[in-house]
Each structure stands twice: as C-alpha cells, then as structure tokens.
Amino acid sequence: MNATYLKSNIEDIKLKDKCDIVFSVGLIEHYYNKKLYKIFKKHMEASKKNGCVMVFVPNRTLIYKFYRKIMTGLKLWMWDEKSFTIKGLKDLGKSTNSPLLKTTKVICSMWIGALYKKT
C-alpha cells in the first residue's frame, strides 16, 4: 500500500493529487457552524471521485456527557469540542452531496466513525 501521512493545519493543505481515502480522527469536532462545513468540505476535496472519507468524532451519548461532566468537574477537560449524532453526520454529508455509507461506534460508544463516498 502506498500511503502518505500529512501533518499540517487542514486550512492550509493544498494537495496536487487527490486521495483514494481521506481519514481523520478527532479533528472536525473542534470547528463550529460554517467553519465545520468548510473543514469537512476540505476532506471531500482531497478525495478522488468515488473515493472515501472517514472521520471519527465524539458521539453524543449519555456516557460521553457523563464522562465530560466528571472530567470538567475535576478540571481535567481541556478541549472545546462538539459531540455528534448520526443525524449530524448525515447532515455533514448532505452539505457536500456525499452520502453517509456506514457508521460505527468505538470506545464504549463514546466515539463514532462515519464513512462517506465522494460522488
């Protein structure tokens, strides 16, 4: 497999070649409103036609809310992030006309993975 690992601010990435798969973990949940959609669009722009984009984000579940509340109370929560629902992930895909193909939950359902196809 030929893979390239990029370390850069996503807002500054300019790829000359498109990718078969674009994968990010723990990124888009730190953006809000129009900027969230802009960052998600960057993922799609980096993908080839019929390529895939996979993102992992915090899942808005009771266990996530409980964990966040405990960690915030202990002053150990240091992130500014938005948790997602499957509906929210579907809406992201709709914003770029990219269907949500599959979701999966990991780490006691505190994280959700979403797989999109670029059309």
N, C-alpha and C. Protein backbone atom coordinates (compact mmCIF):
# COMPACT_ATOMS: atom_id res chain seq x y z
N MET A 1 0.84 -1.17 0.00
CA MET A 1 0.00 0.00 0.00
C MET A 1 0.89 1.23 0.00
N ASN A 2 0.52 2.19 -0.79
CA ASN A 2 1.23 3.46 -0.87
C ASN A 2 0.41 4.49 -0.09
N ALA A 3 0.96 4.99 1.00
CA ALA A 3 0.24 5.95 1.85
C ALA A 3 1.13 7.15 2.14
N THR A 4 0.50 8.29 2.32
CA THR A 4 1.21 9.50 2.69
C THR A 4 0.59 10.05 3.95
N TYR A 5 1.42 10.38 4.92
CA TYR A 5 0.96 10.97 6.17
C TYR A 5 1.27 12.46 6.10
N LEU A 6 0.26 13.28 6.30
CA LEU A 6 0.43 14.73 6.27
C LEU A 6 0.25 15.30 7.66
N LYS A 7 1.14 16.18 8.04
CA LYS A 7 0.99 16.91 9.29
C LYS A 7 0.97 18.39 8.94
N SER A 8 -0.22 18.97 9.06
CA SER A 8 -0.40 20.35 8.65
C SER A 8 -1.73 20.86 9.20
N ASN A 9 -1.89 22.14 9.22
CA ASN A 9 -3.18 22.74 9.54
C ASN A 9 -4.09 22.45 8.35
N ILE A 10 -5.25 21.87 8.59
CA ILE A 10 -6.13 21.48 7.49
C ILE A 10 -6.54 22.67 6.63
N GLU A 11 -6.60 23.83 7.22
CA GLU A 11 -6.98 25.01 6.46
C GLU A 11 -5.92 25.40 5.43
N ASP A 12 -4.69 24.93 5.63
CA ASP A 12 -3.58 25.29 4.75
C ASP A 12 -3.22 24.21 3.74
N ILE A 13 -3.82 23.03 3.85
CA ILE A 13 -3.45 21.93 2.97
C ILE A 13 -3.93 22.19 1.55
N LYS A 14 -3.00 22.03 0.62
CA LYS A 14 -3.31 22.10 -0.80
C LYS A 14 -2.63 20.89 -1.45
N LEU A 15 -3.44 19.94 -1.88
CA LEU A 15 -2.91 18.72 -2.48
C LEU A 15 -2.92 18.83 -3.99
N LYS A 16 -1.83 18.41 -4.62
CA LYS A 16 -1.85 18.41 -6.09
C LYS A 16 -2.49 17.13 -6.60
N ASP A 17 -2.43 16.04 -5.82
CA ASP A 17 -3.07 14.78 -6.18
C ASP A 17 -4.21 14.49 -5.21
N LYS A 18 -5.27 13.90 -5.71
CA LYS A 18 -6.40 13.50 -4.87
C LYS A 18 -6.13 12.12 -4.28
N CYS A 19 -6.80 11.81 -3.18
CA CYS A 19 -6.56 10.57 -2.44
C CYS A 19 -7.73 9.61 -2.60
N ASP A 20 -7.42 8.31 -2.55
CA ASP A 20 -8.47 7.29 -2.56
C ASP A 20 -9.25 7.31 -1.25
N ILE A 21 -8.53 7.49 -0.15
CA ILE A 21 -9.13 7.51 1.18
C ILE A 21 -8.59 8.71 1.96
N VAL A 22 -9.48 9.46 2.57
CA VAL A 22 -9.10 10.56 3.46
C VAL A 22 -9.63 10.16 4.84
N PHE A 23 -8.76 10.22 5.85
CA PHE A 23 -9.08 9.71 7.18
C PHE A 23 -8.66 10.73 8.23
N SER A 24 -9.57 11.06 9.14
CA SER A 24 -9.18 11.94 10.24
C SER A 24 -9.89 11.50 11.53
N VAL A 25 -9.19 11.67 12.60
CA VAL A 25 -9.70 11.33 13.93
C VAL A 25 -9.53 12.55 14.83
N GLY A 26 -10.61 12.94 15.50
CA GLY A 26 -10.51 14.00 16.49
C GLY A 26 -10.19 15.36 15.91
N LEU A 27 -10.76 15.68 14.76
CA LEU A 27 -10.46 16.97 14.13
C LEU A 27 -11.71 17.83 13.95
N ILE A 28 -12.67 17.35 13.22
CA ILE A 28 -13.78 18.23 12.81
C ILE A 28 -14.65 18.68 13.97
N GLU A 29 -14.61 17.95 15.09
CA GLU A 29 -15.46 18.34 16.22
C GLU A 29 -14.98 19.62 16.91
N HIS A 30 -13.83 20.12 16.51
CA HIS A 30 -13.31 21.35 17.10
C HIS A 30 -13.67 22.59 16.29
N TYR A 31 -14.50 22.40 15.28
CA TYR A 31 -14.96 23.51 14.44
C TYR A 31 -16.47 23.62 14.55
N TYR A 32 -16.98 24.82 14.37
CA TYR A 32 -18.40 25.08 14.55
C TYR A 32 -18.98 25.82 13.36
N ASN A 33 -20.28 25.65 13.18
CA ASN A 33 -21.07 26.39 12.20
C ASN A 33 -20.46 26.32 10.80
N LYS A 34 -20.29 27.46 10.14
CA LYS A 34 -19.79 27.48 8.77
C LYS A 34 -18.39 26.89 8.65
N LYS A 35 -17.58 27.11 9.66
CA LYS A 35 -16.21 26.60 9.61
C LYS A 35 -16.19 25.07 9.63
N LEU A 36 -17.10 24.46 10.39
CA LEU A 36 -17.21 23.00 10.42
C LEU A 36 -17.46 22.46 9.01
N TYR A 37 -18.40 23.07 8.31
CA TYR A 37 -18.73 22.61 6.95
C TYR A 37 -17.56 22.87 6.00
N LYS A 38 -16.85 23.96 6.20
CA LYS A 38 -15.68 24.27 5.36
C LYS A 38 -14.59 23.20 5.57
N ILE A 39 -14.35 22.83 6.82
CA ILE A 39 -13.32 21.82 7.12
C ILE A 39 -13.74 20.46 6.57
N PHE A 40 -15.01 20.11 6.72
CA PHE A 40 -15.48 18.84 6.17
C PHE A 40 -15.35 18.84 4.65
N LYS A 41 -15.66 19.97 4.03
CA LYS A 41 -15.54 20.10 2.57
C LYS A 41 -14.09 19.88 2.14
N LYS A 42 -13.13 20.34 2.96
CA LYS A 42 -11.71 20.12 2.66
C LYS A 42 -11.40 18.62 2.58
N HIS A 43 -12.00 17.84 3.48
CA HIS A 43 -11.83 16.38 3.43
C HIS A 43 -12.31 15.85 2.07
N MET A 44 -13.50 16.28 1.67
CA MET A 44 -14.08 15.81 0.42
C MET A 44 -13.26 16.25 -0.80
N GLU A 45 -12.77 17.49 -0.75
CA GLU A 45 -11.97 18.00 -1.87
C GLU A 45 -10.68 17.20 -2.03
N ALA A 46 -10.16 16.65 -0.95
CA ALA A 46 -8.91 15.88 -1.01
C ALA A 46 -9.13 14.47 -1.55
N SER A 47 -10.38 14.05 -1.65
CA SER A 47 -10.72 12.70 -2.10
C SER A 47 -10.98 12.67 -3.60
N LYS A 48 -10.56 11.56 -4.22
CA LYS A 48 -10.86 11.35 -5.63
C LYS A 48 -12.36 11.11 -5.81
N LYS A 49 -12.84 11.29 -7.03
CA LYS A 49 -14.23 10.92 -7.34
C LYS A 49 -14.40 9.44 -7.04
N ASN A 50 -15.48 9.10 -6.36
CA ASN A 50 -15.77 7.75 -5.88
C ASN A 50 -14.81 7.29 -4.78
N GLY A 51 -14.02 8.21 -4.24
CA GLY A 51 -13.16 7.91 -3.10
C GLY A 51 -13.97 7.94 -1.81
N CYS A 52 -13.29 7.63 -0.72
CA CYS A 52 -13.96 7.58 0.58
C CYS A 52 -13.33 8.56 1.56
N VAL A 53 -14.17 9.06 2.44
CA VAL A 53 -13.73 9.90 3.54
C VAL A 53 -14.25 9.26 4.82
N MET A 54 -13.35 9.07 5.78
CA MET A 54 -13.74 8.51 7.07
C MET A 54 -13.31 9.47 8.16
N VAL A 55 -14.26 9.80 9.03
CA VAL A 55 -13.96 10.66 10.17
C VAL A 55 -14.44 9.98 11.45
N PHE A 56 -13.70 10.20 12.51
CA PHE A 56 -14.10 9.74 13.84
C PHE A 56 -14.27 10.97 14.72
N VAL A 57 -15.43 11.04 15.41
CA VAL A 57 -15.78 12.18 16.23
C VAL A 57 -16.41 11.70 17.54
N PRO A 58 -16.45 12.54 18.57
CA PRO A 58 -17.15 12.16 19.79
C PRO A 58 -18.64 11.93 19.50
N ASN A 59 -19.19 10.91 20.11
CA ASN A 59 -20.59 10.53 19.92
C ASN A 59 -21.42 11.10 21.07
N ARG A 60 -22.46 11.84 20.74
CA ARG A 60 -23.30 12.47 21.76
C ARG A 60 -24.17 11.41 22.44
N THR A 61 -23.60 10.72 23.40
CA THR A 61 -24.32 9.69 24.15
C THR A 61 -24.30 10.06 25.63
N LEU A 62 -25.08 9.35 26.39
CA LEU A 62 -25.13 9.59 27.83
C LEU A 62 -23.76 9.36 28.47
N ILE A 63 -23.06 8.31 28.05
CA ILE A 63 -21.74 8.03 28.64
C ILE A 63 -20.74 9.16 28.32
N TYR A 64 -20.81 9.71 27.09
CA TYR A 64 -19.94 10.82 26.73
C TYR A 64 -20.25 12.04 27.60
N LYS A 65 -21.53 12.36 27.73
CA LYS A 65 -21.93 13.53 28.54
C LYS A 65 -21.50 13.35 30.00
N PHE A 66 -21.67 12.14 30.52
CA PHE A 66 -21.29 11.86 31.90
C PHE A 66 -19.77 12.00 32.08
N TYR A 67 -19.01 11.39 31.17
CA TYR A 67 -17.55 11.46 31.23
C TYR A 67 -17.08 12.91 31.14
N ARG A 68 -17.66 13.66 30.23
CA ARG A 68 -17.26 15.07 30.06
C ARG A 68 -17.59 15.88 31.32
N LYS A 69 -18.75 15.63 31.91
CA LYS A 69 -19.15 16.36 33.12
C LYS A 69 -18.18 16.06 34.27
N ILE A 70 -17.83 14.79 34.45
CA ILE A 70 -16.89 14.40 35.51
C ILE A 70 -15.53 15.06 35.28
N MET A 71 -15.03 14.94 34.05
CA MET A 71 -13.70 15.50 33.75
C MET A 71 -13.69 17.02 33.86
N THR A 72 -14.79 17.66 33.47
CA THR A 72 -14.89 19.12 33.62
C THR A 72 -14.90 19.49 35.10
N GLY A 73 -15.65 18.75 35.91
CA GLY A 73 -15.70 19.00 37.35
C GLY A 73 -14.34 18.84 38.02
N LEU A 74 -13.54 17.91 37.51
CA LEU A 74 -12.19 17.69 38.04
C LEU A 74 -11.17 18.64 37.42
N LYS A 75 -11.64 19.53 36.55
CA LYS A 75 -10.79 20.48 35.83
C LYS A 75 -9.74 19.78 34.97
N LEU A 76 -10.14 18.63 34.41
CA LEU A 76 -9.26 17.85 33.55
C LEU A 76 -9.73 17.87 32.09
N TRP A 77 -10.83 18.57 31.83
CA TRP A 77 -11.33 18.67 30.45
C TRP A 77 -10.73 19.90 29.83
N MET A 78 -9.96 19.72 28.76
CA MET A 78 -9.25 20.86 28.18
C MET A 78 -9.65 21.14 26.74
N TRP A 79 -10.64 20.44 26.23
CA TRP A 79 -10.99 20.58 24.82
C TRP A 79 -12.25 21.39 24.62
N ASP A 80 -12.29 22.11 23.55
CA ASP A 80 -13.51 22.78 23.10
C ASP A 80 -13.98 21.96 21.90
N GLU A 81 -15.02 21.18 22.11
CA GLU A 81 -15.46 20.31 21.03
C GLU A 81 -16.96 20.12 21.03
N LYS A 82 -17.45 19.72 19.90
CA LYS A 82 -18.86 19.44 19.68
C LYS A 82 -18.99 17.94 19.52
N SER A 83 -19.91 17.32 20.23
CA SER A 83 -20.18 15.91 20.01
C SER A 83 -21.24 15.77 18.91
N PHE A 84 -21.27 14.63 18.25
CA PHE A 84 -22.14 14.43 17.10
C PHE A 84 -23.16 13.33 17.33
N THR A 85 -24.21 13.40 16.54
CA THR A 85 -25.19 12.32 16.42
C THR A 85 -25.08 11.80 14.99
N ILE A 86 -25.70 10.66 14.73
CA ILE A 86 -25.69 10.14 13.36
C ILE A 86 -26.40 11.13 12.43
N LYS A 87 -27.47 11.76 12.90
CA LYS A 87 -28.15 12.76 12.07
C LYS A 87 -27.21 13.91 11.72
N GLY A 88 -26.43 14.36 12.68
CA GLY A 88 -25.47 15.43 12.42
C GLY A 88 -24.43 15.02 11.38
N LEU A 89 -24.00 13.77 11.44
CA LEU A 89 -23.04 13.27 10.46
C LEU A 89 -23.68 13.15 9.07
N LYS A 90 -24.95 12.74 9.02
CA LYS A 90 -25.67 12.69 7.73
C LYS A 90 -25.77 14.09 7.14
N ASP A 91 -26.07 15.08 8.00
CA ASP A 91 -26.18 16.46 7.53
C ASP A 91 -24.87 16.96 6.95
N LEU A 92 -23.76 16.56 7.56
CA LEU A 92 -22.44 16.94 7.02
C LEU A 92 -22.29 16.41 5.60
N GLY A 93 -22.63 15.14 5.42
CA GLY A 93 -22.53 14.54 4.09
C GLY A 93 -23.41 15.25 3.08
N LYS A 94 -24.62 15.60 3.49
CA LYS A 94 -25.53 16.30 2.59
C LYS A 94 -24.95 17.64 2.16
N SER A 95 -24.19 18.27 3.04
CA SER A 95 -23.64 19.60 2.72
C SER A 95 -22.66 19.55 1.54
N THR A 96 -22.10 18.38 1.28
CA THR A 96 -21.16 18.23 0.15
C THR A 96 -21.69 17.21 -0.86
N ASN A 97 -22.96 16.85 -0.74
CA ASN A 97 -23.58 15.87 -1.62
C ASN A 97 -22.84 14.54 -1.58
N SER A 98 -22.40 14.16 -0.38
CA SER A 98 -21.64 12.93 -0.18
C SER A 98 -22.41 12.03 0.78
N PRO A 99 -22.93 10.92 0.28
CA PRO A 99 -23.76 10.06 1.14
C PRO A 99 -22.96 9.41 2.27
N LEU A 100 -23.60 9.31 3.41
CA LEU A 100 -23.05 8.59 4.55
C LEU A 100 -23.33 7.11 4.32
N LEU A 101 -22.26 6.32 4.14
CA LEU A 101 -22.42 4.90 3.82
C LEU A 101 -22.58 4.03 5.06
N LYS A 102 -21.81 4.34 6.11
CA LYS A 102 -21.79 3.47 7.28
C LYS A 102 -21.29 4.24 8.48
N THR A 103 -21.77 3.84 9.66
CA THR A 103 -21.25 4.39 10.91
C THR A 103 -20.86 3.23 11.81
N THR A 104 -19.94 3.50 12.72
CA THR A 104 -19.54 2.51 13.71
C THR A 104 -19.24 3.23 15.01
N LYS A 105 -19.49 2.57 16.12
CA LYS A 105 -19.21 3.16 17.43
C LYS A 105 -18.05 2.42 18.07
N VAL A 106 -17.16 3.18 18.71
CA VAL A 106 -15.99 2.58 19.36
C VAL A 106 -15.80 3.20 20.75
N ILE A 107 -14.96 2.58 21.54
CA ILE A 107 -14.61 3.01 22.90
C ILE A 107 -15.89 3.28 23.71
N CYS A 108 -16.61 2.22 23.99
CA CYS A 108 -17.85 2.28 24.79
C CYS A 108 -18.86 3.24 24.17
N SER A 109 -18.89 3.31 22.88
CA SER A 109 -19.80 4.19 22.12
C SER A 109 -19.52 5.67 22.32
N MET A 110 -18.37 6.02 22.91
CA MET A 110 -18.06 7.44 23.11
C MET A 110 -17.59 8.10 21.80
N TRP A 111 -17.17 7.31 20.84
CA TRP A 111 -16.73 7.82 19.54
C TRP A 111 -17.55 7.15 18.45
N ILE A 112 -17.78 7.89 17.38
CA ILE A 112 -18.49 7.34 16.25
C ILE A 112 -17.67 7.60 14.98
N GLY A 113 -17.56 6.56 14.17
CA GLY A 113 -16.87 6.69 12.89
C GLY A 113 -17.91 6.78 11.79
N ALA A 114 -17.63 7.59 10.80
CA ALA A 114 -18.54 7.76 9.67
C ALA A 114 -17.77 7.62 8.37
N LEU A 115 -18.32 6.83 7.45
CA LEU A 115 -17.70 6.60 6.16
C LEU A 115 -18.59 7.21 5.08
N TYR A 116 -18.00 8.10 4.28
CA TYR A 116 -18.71 8.79 3.22
C TYR A 116 -18.09 8.41 1.87
N LYS A 117 -18.90 8.53 0.82
CA LYS A 117 -18.39 8.32 -0.53
C LYS A 117 -18.52 9.62 -1.30
N LYS A 118 -17.43 10.00 -1.94
CA LYS A 118 -17.47 11.21 -2.78
C LYS A 118 -18.06 10.83 -4.13
N THR A 119 -19.10 11.54 -4.50
CA THR A 119 -19.76 11.24 -5.77
C THR A 119 -19.38 12.24 -6.84
